[in-house]
Amino acid sequence: MADVFDMLSSVKNALNITGTYQDAALQMYIDEVNEYMLAAGVPASMIGTKTTAGTVARGVSDLWSYGTGSGKLSEYFCERVIQLSSGGGLHG
C-alpha cells in the first residue's frame, strides 16, 4: 500500500507540535495557507502535496503566533509561493 501523505502531520512535525489538542486550529491555518497559495496562482494539483509541505508549514508558523507574533507572512513564505506559482516547485 502506498504511503498516504498527511499535511497536518507534516506541519506538526515541522513545528515540533505533538498531541491532537491543537489539530483543529492548525488545520484552519493549513486551509488558509492553501487558499492563499491557490489565489496566488499555485496549481491546485500541487496543493496538499509533499512539494508544498514546507511552504505550508512556514505559512502556518507565520500565522500561528500564540498571540505573541505579528501574524504577518514572512518574506520567505511569500517568495516561495511566487516560485511555486511560476512552476519553480514542479518536479518530474
C-alpha atoms as a PDB file:
ATOM      1  CA  MET A   1       0.000   0.000   0.000  1.00  0.00           C
ATOM      2  CA  ALA A   2       1.370   3.414  -0.933  1.00  0.00           C
ATOM      3  CA  ASP A   3       2.105   5.929   1.775  1.00  0.00           C
ATOM      4  CA  VAL A   4      -0.672   8.448   2.256  1.00  0.00           C
ATOM      5  CA  PHE A   5       0.631  11.972   2.707  1.00  0.00           C
ATOM      6  CA  ASP A   6      -0.914  13.829   5.656  1.00  0.00           C
ATOM      7  CA  MET A   7      -0.340  17.591   5.586  1.00  0.00           C
ATOM      8  CA  LEU A   8      -1.473  18.066   9.187  1.00  0.00           C
ATOM      9  CA  SER A   9       1.065  15.525  10.437  1.00  0.00           C
ATOM     10  CA  SER A  10       3.771  17.044   8.251  1.00  0.00           C
ATOM     11  CA  VAL A  11       3.125  20.551   9.569  1.00  0.00           C
ATOM     12  CA  LYS A  12       3.019  19.319  13.156  1.00  0.00           C
ATOM     13  CA  ASN A  13       6.332  17.527  12.676  1.00  0.00           C
ATOM     14  CA  ALA A  14       7.923  20.624  11.137  1.00  0.00           C
ATOM     15  CA  LEU A  15       6.707  22.802  14.003  1.00  0.00           C
ATOM     16  CA  ASN A  16       7.516  20.202  16.673  1.00  0.00           C
ATOM     17  CA  ILE A  17       3.898  20.037  17.845  1.00  0.00           C
ATOM     18  CA  THR A  18       2.686  16.806  19.432  1.00  0.00           C
ATOM     19  CA  GLY A  19      -0.717  15.545  20.509  1.00  0.00           C
ATOM     20  CA  THR A  20      -4.074  16.392  18.999  1.00  0.00           C
ATOM     21  CA  TYR A  21      -5.201  19.299  21.164  1.00  0.00           C
ATOM     22  CA  GLN A  22      -4.357  21.967  18.540  1.00  0.00           C
ATOM     23  CA  ASP A  23      -5.325  19.980  15.440  1.00  0.00           C
ATOM     24  CA  ALA A  24      -8.453  21.985  14.644  1.00  0.00           C
ATOM     25  CA  ALA A  25      -6.630  25.319  14.850  1.00  0.00           C
ATOM     26  CA  LEU A  26      -3.673  24.018  12.847  1.00  0.00           C
ATOM     27  CA  GLN A  27      -5.990  22.639  10.168  1.00  0.00           C
ATOM     28  CA  MET A  28      -7.703  26.027   9.918  1.00  0.00           C
ATOM     29  CA  TYR A  29      -4.331  27.678   9.294  1.00  0.00           C
ATOM     30  CA  ILE A  30      -3.354  24.972   6.797  1.00  0.00           C
ATOM     31  CA  ASP A  31      -6.590  25.615   4.908  1.00  0.00           C
ATOM     32  CA  GLU A  32      -5.946  29.369   4.991  1.00  0.00           C
ATOM     33  CA  VAL A  33      -2.401  28.949   3.645  1.00  0.00           C
ATOM     34  CA  ASN A  34      -3.665  26.620   0.903  1.00  0.00           C
ATOM     35  CA  GLU A  35      -6.293  29.198  -0.115  1.00  0.00           C
ATOM     36  CA  TYR A  36      -3.610  31.887  -0.168  1.00  0.00           C
ATOM     37  CA  MET A  37      -1.426  29.757  -2.425  1.00  0.00           C
ATOM     38  CA  LEU A  38      -4.330  28.983  -4.776  1.00  0.00           C
ATOM     39  CA  ALA A  39      -5.208  32.683  -5.016  1.00  0.00           C
ATOM     40  CA  ALA A  40      -1.541  33.424  -5.777  1.00  0.00           C
ATOM     41  CA  GLY A  41      -1.608  31.032  -8.724  1.00  0.00           C
ATOM     42  CA  VAL A  42      -0.114  27.848  -7.287  1.00  0.00           C
ATOM     43  CA  PRO A  43      -1.655  25.000  -9.306  1.00  0.00           C
ATOM     44  CA  ALA A  44      -4.431  23.138  -7.479  1.00  0.00           C
ATOM     45  CA  SER A  45      -2.634  19.889  -8.282  1.00  0.00           C
ATOM     46  CA  MET A  46       0.228  20.964  -6.002  1.00  0.00           C
ATOM     47  CA  ILE A  47      -1.933  21.877  -3.014  1.00  0.00           C
ATOM     48  CA  GLY A  48      -1.711  19.305  -0.232  1.00  0.00           C
ATOM     49  CA  THR A  49       1.394  17.604  -1.641  1.00  0.00           C
ATOM     50  CA  LYS A  50       4.879  16.970  -0.276  1.00  0.00           C
ATOM     51  CA  THR A  51       6.157  19.628  -2.676  1.00  0.00           C
ATOM     52  CA  THR A  52       4.272  22.337  -0.807  1.00  0.00           C
ATOM     53  CA  ALA A  53       4.566  20.892   2.720  1.00  0.00           C
ATOM     54  CA  GLY A  54       7.499  23.063   3.770  1.00  0.00           C
ATOM     55  CA  THR A  55       5.848  26.172   2.414  1.00  0.00           C
ATOM     56  CA  VAL A  56       2.597  25.347   4.194  1.00  0.00           C
ATOM     57  CA  ALA A  57       4.483  24.731   7.452  1.00  0.00           C
ATOM     58  CA  ARG A  58       6.232  28.115   7.075  1.00  0.00           C
ATOM     59  CA  GLY A  59       2.915  29.864   6.400  1.00  0.00           C
ATOM     60  CA  VAL A  60       1.217  28.160   9.338  1.00  0.00           C
ATOM     61  CA  SER A  61       4.142  29.114  11.561  1.00  0.00           C
ATOM     62  CA  ASP A  62       3.860  32.718  10.395  1.00  0.00           C
ATOM     63  CA  LEU A  63       0.153  32.827  11.249  1.00  0.00           C
ATOM     64  CA  TRP A  64       0.406  30.645  14.375  1.00  0.00           C
ATOM     65  CA  SER A  65       1.843  33.201  16.740  1.00  0.00           C
ATOM     66  CA  TYR A  66       0.258  32.072  20.013  1.00  0.00           C
ATOM     67  CA  GLY A  67      -0.703  35.729  20.376  1.00  0.00           C
ATOM     68  CA  THR A  68       2.941  36.856  20.583  1.00  0.00           C
ATOM     69  CA  GLY A  69       3.862  37.495  16.964  1.00  0.00           C
ATOM     70  CA  SER A  70       2.759  39.859  14.285  1.00  0.00           C
ATOM     71  CA  GLY A  71       0.722  37.299  12.371  1.00  0.00           C
ATOM     72  CA  LYS A  72       2.340  38.538   9.155  1.00  0.00           C
ATOM     73  CA  LEU A  73       3.526  36.199   6.446  1.00  0.00           C
ATOM     74  CA  SER A  74       7.306  36.009   6.195  1.00  0.00           C
ATOM     75  CA  GLU A  75       9.320  37.159   3.236  1.00  0.00           C
ATOM     76  CA  TYR A  76      10.496  33.573   2.681  1.00  0.00           C
ATOM     77  CA  PHE A  77       6.922  32.270   2.553  1.00  0.00           C
ATOM     78  CA  CYS A  78       5.851  34.921   0.053  1.00  0.00           C
ATOM     79  CA  GLU A  79       8.891  34.339  -2.166  1.00  0.00           C
ATOM     80  CA  ARG A  80       8.357  30.571  -2.106  1.00  0.00           C
ATOM     81  CA  VAL A  81       4.713  30.980  -3.113  1.00  0.00           C
ATOM     82  CA  ILE A  82       5.852  33.083  -6.070  1.00  0.00           C
ATOM     83  CA  GLN A  83       8.270  30.308  -7.063  1.00  0.00           C
ATOM     84  CA  LEU A  84       5.565  27.645  -6.766  1.00  0.00           C
ATOM     85  CA  SER A  85       3.074  29.720  -8.764  1.00  0.00           C
ATOM     86  CA  SER A  86       5.570  30.168 -11.593  1.00  0.00           C
ATOM     87  CA  GLY A  87       6.463  26.489 -11.808  1.00  0.00           C
ATOM     88  CA  GLY A  88       9.556  26.724  -9.617  1.00  0.00           C
ATOM     89  CA  GLY A  89       8.369  23.892  -7.386  1.00  0.00           C
ATOM     90  CA  LEU A  90       7.422  21.413 -10.070  1.00  0.00           C
ATOM     91  CA  HIS A  91       9.330  18.145 -10.089  1.00  0.00           C
ATOM     92  CA  GLY A  92       9.371  15.375 -12.607  1.00  0.00           C
END
